Amino acid sequence: MASAVSPQTPNAAQNLDKNELYSIGPGFWNVRGSFKILKVLDIETQMSIIKRRNGRFLVIDTVEMTDRLRQEIDQLTNNGEKIEAVIATHPFHTLSIP
């Protein structure tokens, strides 16, 4: 399941493995991912998952997912049924939406 990240860790995002679901705080998860320009330069990207008070989830941005990551998110969101919305904040973030 999701790994926890200490909020006191400076620059913690720089040390996160890609395609891992990290619990950042209560009801908030983050995933770091790769985004390669010209298939060479990895500028990285991220996806955040927020659990709302109503128990449903909001996904902000998307990343390419491994099967294991997809299974973890499916377990968290009841196979995606509890995902209320996906918001892509930049056109690049729409490339990973199935």
PDB file of N, CA and C in Angstrom:
ATOM      1  N   MET A   1       0.842  -1.183   0.000  1.00  0.00           N
ATOM      2  CA  MET A   1       0.000   0.000   0.000  1.00  0.00           C
ATOM      3  C   MET A   1       0.883   1.240   0.000  1.00  0.00           C
ATOM      4  N   ALA A   2       0.291   2.378   0.151  1.00  0.00           N
ATOM      5  CA  ALA A   2       1.007   3.649   0.026  1.00  0.00           C
ATOM      6  C   ALA A   2       2.076   3.808   1.097  1.00  0.00           C
ATOM      7  N   SER A   3       3.209   4.338   0.697  1.00  0.00           N
ATOM      8  CA  SER A   3       4.287   4.667   1.628  1.00  0.00           C
ATOM      9  C   SER A   3       4.025   6.052   2.192  1.00  0.00           C
ATOM     10  N   ALA A   4       4.439   6.283   3.429  1.00  0.00           N
ATOM     11  CA  ALA A   4       4.245   7.590   4.052  1.00  0.00           C
ATOM     12  C   ALA A   4       5.478   8.456   3.845  1.00  0.00           C
ATOM     13  N   VAL A   5       5.253   9.739   3.650  1.00  0.00           N
ATOM     14  CA  VAL A   5       6.335  10.712   3.518  1.00  0.00           C
ATOM     15  C   VAL A   5       6.239  11.662   4.692  1.00  0.00           C
ATOM     16  N   SER A   6       7.335  11.832   5.413  1.00  0.00           N
ATOM     17  CA  SER A   6       7.359  12.737   6.555  1.00  0.00           C
ATOM     18  C   SER A   6       7.264  14.180   6.078  1.00  0.00           C
ATOM     19  N   PRO A   7       6.322  14.968   6.621  1.00  0.00           N
ATOM     20  CA  PRO A   7       6.203  16.365   6.197  1.00  0.00           C
ATOM     21  C   PRO A   7       7.420  17.202   6.599  1.00  0.00           C
ATOM     22  N   GLN A   8       8.237  16.713   7.531  1.00  0.00           N
ATOM     23  CA  GLN A   8       9.410  17.462   7.953  1.00  0.00           C
ATOM     24  C   GLN A   8      10.609  17.226   7.037  1.00  0.00           C
ATOM     25  N   THR A   9      10.498  16.324   6.079  1.00  0.00           N
ATOM     26  CA  THR A   9      11.619  16.005   5.202  1.00  0.00           C
ATOM     27  C   THR A   9      11.776  17.098   4.152  1.00  0.00           C
ATOM     28  N   PRO A  10      12.878  17.860   4.188  1.00  0.00           N
ATOM     29  CA  PRO A  10      13.065  18.896   3.171  1.00  0.00           C
ATOM     30  C   PRO A  10      13.278  18.280   1.800  1.00  0.00           C
ATOM     31  N   ASN A  11      12.657  18.878   0.797  1.00  0.00           N
ATOM     32  CA  ASN A  11      12.786  18.407  -0.584  1.00  0.00           C
ATOM     33  C   ASN A  11      12.458  16.925  -0.728  1.00  0.00           C
ATOM     34  N   ALA A  12      11.468  16.459   0.004  1.00  0.00           N
ATOM     35  CA  ALA A  12      11.123  15.041  -0.011  1.00  0.00           C
ATOM     36  C   ALA A  12      10.761  14.558  -1.404  1.00  0.00           C
ATOM     37  N   ALA A  13      10.136  15.394  -2.209  1.00  0.00           N
ATOM     38  CA  ALA A  13       9.712  14.971  -3.550  1.00  0.00           C
ATOM     39  C   ALA A  13      10.894  14.575  -4.420  1.00  0.00           C
ATOM     40  N   GLN A  14      12.046  15.152  -4.177  1.00  0.00           N
ATOM     41  CA  GLN A  14      13.219  14.818  -4.977  1.00  0.00           C
ATOM     42  C   GLN A  14      13.681  13.388  -4.733  1.00  0.00           C
ATOM     43  N   ASN A  15      13.321  12.813  -3.598  1.00  0.00           N
ATOM     44  CA  ASN A  15      13.782  11.481  -3.237  1.00  0.00           C
ATOM     45  C   ASN A  15      12.732  10.400  -3.454  1.00  0.00           C
ATOM     46  N   LEU A  16      11.581  10.742  -3.996  1.00  0.00           N
ATOM     47  CA  LEU A  16      10.519   9.762  -4.177  1.00  0.00           C
ATOM     48  C   LEU A  16      10.763   8.923  -5.424  1.00  0.00           C
ATOM     49  N   ASP A  17      10.522   7.625  -5.284  1.00  0.00           N
ATOM     50  CA  ASP A  17      10.611   6.739  -6.441  1.00  0.00           C
ATOM     51  C   ASP A  17       9.426   6.995  -7.357  1.00  0.00           C
ATOM     52  N   LYS A  18       9.625   6.787  -8.634  1.00  0.00           N
ATOM     53  CA  LYS A  18       8.552   6.981  -9.601  1.00  0.00           C
ATOM     54  C   LYS A  18       7.590   5.796  -9.569  1.00  0.00           C
ATOM     55  N   ASN A  19       6.339   6.081  -9.908  1.00  0.00           N
ATOM     56  CA  ASN A  19       5.270   5.088  -9.963  1.00  0.00           C
ATOM     57  C   ASN A  19       5.019   4.403  -8.633  1.00  0.00           C
ATOM     58  N   GLU A  20       5.214   5.143  -7.549  1.00  0.00           N
ATOM     59  CA  GLU A  20       4.901   4.675  -6.203  1.00  0.00           C
ATOM     60  C   GLU A  20       3.851   5.612  -5.626  1.00  0.00           C
ATOM     61  N   LEU A  21       2.853   5.050  -4.953  1.00  0.00           N
ATOM     62  CA  LEU A  21       1.807   5.836  -4.314  1.00  0.00           C
ATOM     63  C   LEU A  21       2.287   6.223  -2.918  1.00  0.00           C
ATOM     64  N   TYR A  22       2.418   7.521  -2.667  1.00  0.00           N
ATOM     65  CA  TYR A  22       2.897   8.015  -1.380  1.00  0.00           C
ATOM     66  C   TYR A  22       1.786   8.754  -0.660  1.00  0.00           C
ATOM     67  N   SER A  23       1.596   8.434   0.618  1.00  0.00           N
ATOM     68  CA  SER A  23       0.664   9.166   1.462  1.00  0.00           C
ATOM     69  C   SER A  23       1.393  10.401   1.977  1.00  0.00           C
ATOM     70  N   ILE A  24       0.924  11.565   1.566  1.00  0.00           N
ATOM     71  CA  ILE A  24       1.554  12.825   1.953  1.00  0.00           C
ATOM     72  C   ILE A  24       0.959  13.348   3.257  1.00  0.00           C
ATOM     73  N   GLY A  25      -0.309  13.083   3.464  1.00  0.00           N
ATOM     74  CA  GLY A  25      -1.013  13.506   4.665  1.00  0.00           C
ATOM     75  C   GLY A  25      -2.381  12.853   4.662  1.00  0.00           C
ATOM     76  N   PRO A  26      -3.201  13.122   5.671  1.00  0.00           N
ATOM     77  CA  PRO A  26      -4.530  12.509   5.712  1.00  0.00           C
ATOM     78  C   PRO A  26      -5.344  12.844   4.459  1.00  0.00           C
ATOM     79  N   GLY A  27      -5.732  11.809   3.727  1.00  0.00           N
ATOM     80  CA  GLY A  27      -6.562  12.004   2.543  1.00  0.00           C
ATOM     81  C   GLY A  27      -5.849  12.594   1.346  1.00  0.00           C
ATOM     82  N   PHE A  28      -4.511  12.531   1.322  1.00  0.00           N
ATOM     83  CA  PHE A  28      -3.758  13.115   0.202  1.00  0.00           C
ATOM     84  C   PHE A  28      -2.608  12.194  -0.187  1.00  0.00           C
ATOM     85  N   TRP A  29      -2.587  11.783  -1.470  1.00  0.00           N
ATOM     86  CA  TRP A  29      -1.554  10.896  -1.994  1.00  0.00           C
ATOM     87  C   TRP A  29      -0.908  11.544  -3.209  1.00  0.00           C
ATOM     88  N   ASN A  30       0.335  11.161  -3.471  1.00  0.00           N
ATOM     89  CA  ASN A  30       1.058  11.702  -4.611  1.00  0.00           C
ATOM     90  C   ASN A  30       1.839  10.595  -5.289  1.00  0.00           C
ATOM     91  N   VAL A  31       1.953  10.714  -6.607  1.00  0.00           N
ATOM     92  CA  VAL A  31       2.739   9.786  -7.418  1.00  0.00           C
ATOM     93  C   VAL A  31       3.652  10.617  -8.307  1.00  0.00           C
ATOM     94  N   ARG A  32       4.929  10.318  -8.306  1.00  0.00           N
ATOM     95  CA  ARG A  32       5.877  10.945  -9.230  1.00  0.00           C
ATOM     96  C   ARG A  32       5.953  10.066 -10.467  1.00  0.00           C
ATOM     97  N   GLY A  33       6.136  10.680 -11.618  1.00  0.00           N
ATOM     98  CA  GLY A  33       6.216   9.914 -12.853  1.00  0.00           C
ATOM     99  C   GLY A  33       7.207  10.517 -13.822  1.00  0.00           C
ATOM    100  N   SER A  34       7.463   9.793 -14.878  1.00  0.00           N
ATOM    101  CA  SER A  34       8.363  10.271 -15.932  1.00  0.00           C
ATOM    102  C   SER A  34       7.564  10.976 -17.013  1.00  0.00           C
ATOM    103  N   PHE A  35       8.157  12.002 -17.572  1.00  0.00           N
ATOM    104  CA  PHE A  35       7.615  12.636 -18.765  1.00  0.00           C
ATOM    105  C   PHE A  35       8.811  13.052 -19.603  1.00  0.00           C
ATOM    106  N   LYS A  36       9.015  12.327 -20.684  1.00  0.00           N
ATOM    107  CA  LYS A  36      10.203  12.561 -21.501  1.00  0.00           C
ATOM    108  C   LYS A  36       9.883  13.434 -22.705  1.00  0.00           C
ATOM    109  N   ILE A  37      10.724  14.430 -22.908  1.00  0.00           N
ATOM    110  CA  ILE A  37      10.645  15.288 -24.079  1.00  0.00           C
ATOM    111  C   ILE A  37      11.582  14.708 -25.130  1.00  0.00           C
ATOM    112  N   LEU A  38      11.049  14.514 -26.332  1.00  0.00           N
ATOM    113  CA  LEU A  38      11.805  13.920 -27.432  1.00  0.00           C
ATOM    114  C   LEU A  38      12.373  12.547 -27.059  1.00  0.00           C
ATOM    115  N   LYS A  39      11.691  11.869 -26.118  1.00  0.00           N
ATOM    116  CA  LYS A  39      12.082  10.531 -25.655  1.00  0.00           C
ATOM    117  C   LYS A  39      13.473  10.486 -25.035  1.00  0.00           C
ATOM    118  N   VAL A  40      13.994  11.653 -24.638  1.00  0.00           N
ATOM    119  CA  VAL A  40      15.356  11.711 -24.098  1.00  0.00           C
ATOM    120  C   VAL A  40      15.399  12.398 -22.733  1.00  0.00           C
ATOM    121  N   LEU A  41      14.873  13.616 -22.657  1.00  0.00           N
ATOM    122  CA  LEU A  41      14.985  14.437 -21.455  1.00  0.00           C
ATOM    123  C   LEU A  41      13.777  14.214 -20.547  1.00  0.00           C
ATOM    124  N   ASP A  42      14.013  13.629 -19.375  1.00  0.00           N
ATOM    125  CA  ASP A  42      12.934  13.359 -18.423  1.00  0.00           C
ATOM    126  C   ASP A  42      12.744  14.577 -17.521  1.00  0.00           C
ATOM    127  N   ILE A  43      11.642  15.313 -17.742  1.00  0.00           N
ATOM    128  CA  ILE A  43      11.361  16.490 -16.911  1.00  0.00           C
ATOM    129  C   ILE A  43      10.462  16.137 -15.725  1.00  0.00           C
ATOM    130  N   GLU A  44      10.037  14.898 -15.657  1.00  0.00           N
ATOM    131  CA  GLU A  44       9.199  14.365 -14.589  1.00  0.00           C
ATOM    132  C   GLU A  44       7.828  15.041 -14.537  1.00  0.00           C
ATOM    133  N   THR A  45       6.925  14.385 -13.868  1.00  0.00           N
ATOM    134  CA  THR A  45       5.572  14.882 -13.685  1.00  0.00           C
ATOM    135  C   THR A  45       5.033  14.280 -12.396  1.00  0.00           C
ATOM    136  N   GLN A  46       3.806  14.609 -12.047  1.00  0.00           N
ATOM    137  CA  GLN A  46       3.220  14.051 -10.839  1.00  0.00           C
ATOM    138  C   GLN A  46       1.710  13.979 -10.950  1.00  0.00           C
ATOM    139  N   MET A  47       1.131  13.147 -10.098  1.00  0.00           N
ATOM    140  CA  MET A  47      -0.315  13.010  -9.995  1.00  0.00           C
ATOM    141  C   MET A  47      -0.651  13.068  -8.506  1.00  0.00           C
ATOM    142  N   SER A  48      -1.718  13.755  -8.170  1.00  0.00           N
ATOM    143  CA  SER A  48      -2.174  13.820  -6.784  1.00  0.00           C
ATOM    144  C   SER A  48      -3.583  13.264  -6.691  1.00  0.00           C
ATOM    145  N   ILE A  49      -3.855  12.597  -5.583  1.00  0.00           N
ATOM    146  CA  ILE A  49      -5.179  12.032  -5.322  1.00  0.00           C
ATOM    147  C   ILE A  49      -5.636  12.571  -3.973  1.00  0.00           C
ATOM    148  N   ILE A  50      -6.830  13.143  -3.960  1.00  0.00           N
ATOM    149  CA  ILE A  50      -7.363  13.763  -2.752  1.00  0.00           C
ATOM    150  C   ILE A  50      -8.680  13.093  -2.396  1.00  0.00           C
ATOM    151  N   LYS A  51      -8.799  12.663  -1.144  1.00  0.00           N
ATOM    152  CA  LYS A  51     -10.068  12.100  -0.671  1.00  0.00           C
ATOM    153  C   LYS A  51     -10.894  13.237  -0.089  1.00  0.00           C
ATOM    154  N   ARG A  52     -12.072  13.421  -0.652  1.00  0.00           N
ATOM    155  CA  ARG A  52     -12.960  14.495  -0.210  1.00  0.00           C
ATOM    156  C   ARG A  52     -13.750  14.061   1.021  1.00  0.00           C
ATOM    157  N   ARG A  53     -14.376  15.002   1.685  1.00  0.00           N
ATOM    158  CA  ARG A  53     -15.160  14.693   2.889  1.00  0.00           C
ATOM    159  C   ARG A  53     -16.290  13.709   2.618  1.00  0.00           C
ATOM    160  N   ASN A  54     -16.792  13.703   1.378  1.00  0.00           N
ATOM    161  CA  ASN A  54     -17.890  12.797   1.040  1.00  0.00           C
ATOM    162  C   ASN A  54     -17.396  11.380   0.738  1.00  0.00           C
ATOM    163  N   GLY A  55     -16.076  11.131   0.883  1.00  0.00           N
ATOM    164  CA  GLY A  55     -15.520   9.804   0.660  1.00  0.00           C
ATOM    165  C   GLY A  55     -15.132   9.524  -0.776  1.00  0.00           C
ATOM    166  N   ARG A  56     -15.427  10.463  -1.659  1.00  0.00           N
ATOM    167  CA  ARG A  56     -15.066  10.301  -3.065  1.00  0.00           C
ATOM    168  C   ARG A  56     -13.718  10.973  -3.317  1.00  0.00           C
ATOM    169  N   PHE A  57     -13.142  10.725  -4.495  1.00  0.00           N
ATOM    170  CA  PHE A  57     -11.776  11.165  -4.771  1.00  0.00           C
ATOM    171  C   PHE A  57     -11.707  12.135  -5.942  1.00  0.00           C
ATOM    172  N   LEU A  58     -10.747  13.034  -5.852  1.00  0.00           N
ATOM    173  CA  LEU A  58     -10.411  13.968  -6.917  1.00  0.00           C
ATOM    174  C   LEU A  58      -8.980  13.649  -7.333  1.00  0.00           C
ATOM    175  N   VAL A  59      -8.754  13.466  -8.628  1.00  0.00           N
ATOM    176  CA  VAL A  59      -7.419  13.201  -9.155  1.00  0.00           C
ATOM    177  C   VAL A  59      -6.957  14.450  -9.896  1.00  0.00           C
ATOM    178  N   ILE A  60      -5.791  14.944  -9.518  1.00  0.00           N
ATOM    179  CA  ILE A  60      -5.229  16.119 -10.180  1.00  0.00           C
ATOM    180  C   ILE A  60      -4.017  15.669 -10.984  1.00  0.00           C
ATOM    181  N   ASP A  61      -4.124  15.825 -12.294  1.00  0.00           N
ATOM    182  CA  ASP A  61      -3.098  15.419 -13.253  1.00  0.00           C
ATOM    183  C   ASP A  61      -2.968  13.891 -13.281  1.00  0.00           C
ATOM    184  N   THR A  62      -2.303  13.386 -14.288  1.00  0.00           N
ATOM    185  CA  THR A  62      -2.162  11.940 -14.449  1.00  0.00           C
ATOM    186  C   THR A  62      -0.731  11.598 -14.834  1.00  0.00           C
ATOM    187  N   VAL A  63      -0.361  10.358 -14.572  1.00  0.00           N
ATOM    188  CA  VAL A  63       0.941   9.822 -14.977  1.00  0.00           C
ATOM    189  C   VAL A  63       0.704   8.457 -15.605  1.00  0.00           C
ATOM    190  N   GLU A  64       1.671   7.987 -16.382  1.00  0.00           N
ATOM    191  CA  GLU A  64       1.615   6.612 -16.866  1.00  0.00           C
ATOM    192  C   GLU A  64       1.737   5.699 -15.653  1.00  0.00           C
ATOM    193  N   MET A  65       0.863   4.680 -15.573  1.00  0.00           N
ATOM    194  CA  MET A  65       0.847   3.822 -14.395  1.00  0.00           C
ATOM    195  C   MET A  65       1.342   2.418 -14.709  1.00  0.00           C
ATOM    196  N   THR A  66       2.066   1.860 -13.749  1.00  0.00           N
ATOM    197  CA  THR A  66       2.406   0.446 -13.814  1.00  0.00           C
ATOM    198  C   THR A  66       1.176  -0.340 -13.370  1.00  0.00           C
ATOM    199  N   ASP A  67       1.169  -1.633 -13.630  1.00  0.00           N
ATOM    200  CA  ASP A  67       0.048  -2.467 -13.188  1.00  0.00           C
ATOM    201  C   ASP A  67      -0.097  -2.416 -11.668  1.00  0.00           C
ATOM    202  N   ARG A  68       1.019  -2.442 -10.955  1.00  0.00           N
ATOM    203  CA  ARG A  68       0.980  -2.416  -9.496  1.00  0.00           C
ATOM    204  C   ARG A  68       0.382  -1.106  -8.978  1.00  0.00           C
ATOM    205  N   LEU A  69       0.780   0.012  -9.559  1.00  0.00           N
ATOM    206  CA  LEU A  69       0.238   1.307  -9.155  1.00  0.00           C
ATOM    207  C   LEU A  69      -1.256   1.371  -9.445  1.00  0.00           C
ATOM    208  N   ARG A  70      -1.661   0.899 -10.602  1.00  0.00           N
ATOM    209  CA  ARG A  70      -3.085   0.889 -10.951  1.00  0.00           C
ATOM    210  C   ARG A  70      -3.883   0.054  -9.940  1.00  0.00           C
ATOM    211  N   GLN A  71      -3.338  -1.086  -9.525  1.00  0.00           N
ATOM    212  CA  GLN A  71      -4.014  -1.930  -8.541  1.00  0.00           C
ATOM    213  C   GLN A  71      -4.158  -1.212  -7.203  1.00  0.00           C
ATOM    214  N   GLU A  72      -3.117  -0.497  -6.781  1.00  0.00           N
ATOM    215  CA  GLU A  72      -3.186   0.252  -5.519  1.00  0.00           C
ATOM    216  C   GLU A  72      -4.254   1.343  -5.585  1.00  0.00           C
ATOM    217  N   ILE A  73      -4.290   2.061  -6.692  1.00  0.00           N
ATOM    218  CA  ILE A  73      -5.282   3.131  -6.841  1.00  0.00           C
ATOM    219  C   ILE A  73      -6.681   2.536  -6.960  1.00  0.00           C
ATOM    220  N   ASP A  74      -6.813   1.415  -7.662  1.00  0.00           N
ATOM    221  CA  ASP A  74      -8.110   0.736  -7.746  1.00  0.00           C
ATOM    222  C   ASP A  74      -8.586   0.305  -6.366  1.00  0.00           C
ATOM    223  N   GLN A  75      -7.671  -0.206  -5.542  1.00  0.00           N
ATOM    224  CA  GLN A  75      -8.036  -0.620  -4.188  1.00  0.00           C
ATOM    225  C   GLN A  75      -8.485   0.589  -3.362  1.00  0.00           C
ATOM    226  N   LEU A  76      -7.793   1.689  -3.498  1.00  0.00           N
ATOM    227  CA  LEU A  76      -8.109   2.915  -2.762  1.00  0.00           C
ATOM    228  C   LEU A  76      -9.459   3.490  -3.183  1.00  0.00           C
ATOM    229  N   THR A  77      -9.777   3.406  -4.479  1.00  0.00           N
ATOM    230  CA  THR A  77     -10.953   4.089  -5.040  1.00  0.00           C
ATOM    231  C   THR A  77     -12.076   3.141  -5.465  1.00  0.00           C
ATOM    232  N   ASN A  78     -12.055   1.906  -4.952  1.00  0.00           N
ATOM    233  CA  ASN A  78     -13.079   0.917  -5.323  1.00  0.00           C
ATOM    234  C   ASN A  78     -13.154   0.757  -6.843  1.00  0.00           C
ATOM    235  N   ASN A  79     -11.992   0.401  -7.425  1.00  0.00           N
ATOM    236  CA  ASN A  79     -11.865   0.215  -8.880  1.00  0.00           C
ATOM    237  C   ASN A  79     -12.246   1.466  -9.670  1.00  0.00           C
ATOM    238  N   GLY A  80     -11.982   2.620  -9.090  1.00  0.00           N
ATOM    239  CA  GLY A  80     -12.242   3.884  -9.773  1.00  0.00           C
ATOM    240  C   GLY A  80     -13.657   4.399  -9.614  1.00  0.00           C
ATOM    241  N   GLU A  81     -14.539   3.595  -9.015  1.00  0.00           N
ATOM    242  CA  GLU A  81     -15.938   4.019  -8.863  1.00  0.00           C
ATOM    243  C   GLU A  81     -16.085   5.243  -7.965  1.00  0.00           C
ATOM    244  N   LYS A  82     -15.143   5.439  -7.042  1.00  0.00           N
ATOM    245  CA  LYS A  82     -15.232   6.579  -6.132  1.00  0.00           C
ATOM    246  C   LYS A  82     -14.484   7.808  -6.644  1.00  0.00           C
ATOM    247  N   ILE A  83     -13.945   7.731  -7.862  1.00  0.00           N
ATOM    248  CA  ILE A  83     -13.292   8.912  -8.436  1.00  0.00           C
ATOM    249  C   ILE A  83     -14.374   9.825  -8.994  1.00  0.00           C
ATOM    250  N   GLU A  84     -14.454  11.007  -8.440  1.00  0.00           N
ATOM    251  CA  GLU A  84     -15.489  11.960  -8.823  1.00  0.00           C
ATOM    252  C   GLU A  84     -15.075  12.800 -10.027  1.00  0.00           C
ATOM    253  N   ALA A  85     -13.780  13.139 -10.106  1.00  0.00           N
ATOM    254  CA  ALA A  85     -13.312  13.981 -11.209  1.00  0.00           C
ATOM    255  C   ALA A  85     -11.810  13.817 -11.387  1.00  0.00           C
ATOM    256  N   VAL A  86     -11.368  14.052 -12.617  1.00  0.00           N
ATOM    257  CA  VAL A  86      -9.944  14.108 -12.945  1.00  0.00           C
ATOM    258  C   VAL A  86      -9.704  15.469 -13.579  1.00  0.00           C
ATOM    259  N   ILE A  87      -8.787  16.223 -13.000  1.00  0.00           N
ATOM    260  CA  ILE A  87      -8.477  17.556 -13.502  1.00  0.00           C
ATOM    261  C   ILE A  87      -7.051  17.551 -14.034  1.00  0.00           C
ATOM    262  N   ALA A  88      -6.894  17.910 -15.291  1.00  0.00           N
ATOM    263  CA  ALA A  88      -5.564  18.030 -15.892  1.00  0.00           C
ATOM    264  C   ALA A  88      -5.226  19.513 -15.958  1.00  0.00           C
ATOM    265  N   THR A  89      -4.169  19.906 -15.267  1.00  0.00           N
ATOM    266  CA  THR A  89      -3.828  21.325 -15.176  1.00  0.00           C
ATOM    267  C   THR A  89      -2.988  21.821 -16.343  1.00  0.00           C
ATOM    268  N   HIS A  90      -2.573  20.925 -17.226  1.00  0.00           N
ATOM    269  CA  HIS A  90      -1.760  21.277 -18.387  1.00  0.00           C
ATOM    270  C   HIS A  90      -2.032  20.234 -19.464  1.00  0.00           C
ATOM    271  N   PRO A  91      -2.024  20.597 -20.747  1.00  0.00           N
ATOM    272  CA  PRO A  91      -2.293  19.613 -21.805  1.00  0.00           C
ATOM    273  C   PRO A  91      -1.413  18.363 -21.736  1.00  0.00           C
ATOM    274  N   PHE A  92      -0.172  18.482 -21.272  1.00  0.00           N
ATOM    275  CA  PHE A  92       0.684  17.297 -21.155  1.00  0.00           C
ATOM    276  C   PHE A  92       0.086  16.269 -20.197  1.00  0.00           C
ATOM    277  N   HIS A  93      -0.643  16.747 -19.192  1.00  0.00           N
ATOM    278  CA  HIS A  93      -1.213  15.835 -18.207  1.00  0.00           C
ATOM    279  C   HIS A  93      -2.387  15.038 -18.761  1.00  0.00           C
ATOM    280  N   THR A  94      -2.886  15.390 -19.917  1.00  0.00           N
ATOM    281  CA  THR A  94      -3.982  14.620 -20.517  1.00  0.00           C
ATOM    282  C   THR A  94      -3.463  13.404 -21.278  1.00  0.00           C
ATOM    283  N   LEU A  95      -2.178  13.319 -21.529  1.00  0.00           N
ATOM    284  CA  LEU A  95      -1.622  12.227 -22.326  1.00  0.00           C
ATOM    285  C   LEU A  95      -1.734  10.874 -21.639  1.00  0.00           C
ATOM    286  N   SER A  96      -1.875  10.848 -20.324  1.00  0.00           N
ATOM    287  CA  SER A  96      -1.963   9.586 -19.588  1.00  0.00           C
ATOM    288  C   SER A  96      -3.391   9.212 -19.226  1.00  0.00           C
ATOM    289  N   ILE A  97      -4.365   9.986 -19.657  1.00  0.00           N
ATOM    290  CA  ILE A  97      -5.765   9.650 -19.379  1.00  0.00           C
ATOM    291  C   ILE A  97      -6.206   8.593 -20.386  1.00  0.00           C
ATOM    292  N   PRO A  98      -6.679   7.438 -19.869  1.00  0.00           N
ATOM    293  CA  PRO A  98      -7.083   6.366 -20.815  1.00  0.00           C
ATOM    294  C   PRO A  98      -8.291   6.742 -21.649  1.00  0.00           C
TER     295      PRO A  98
END
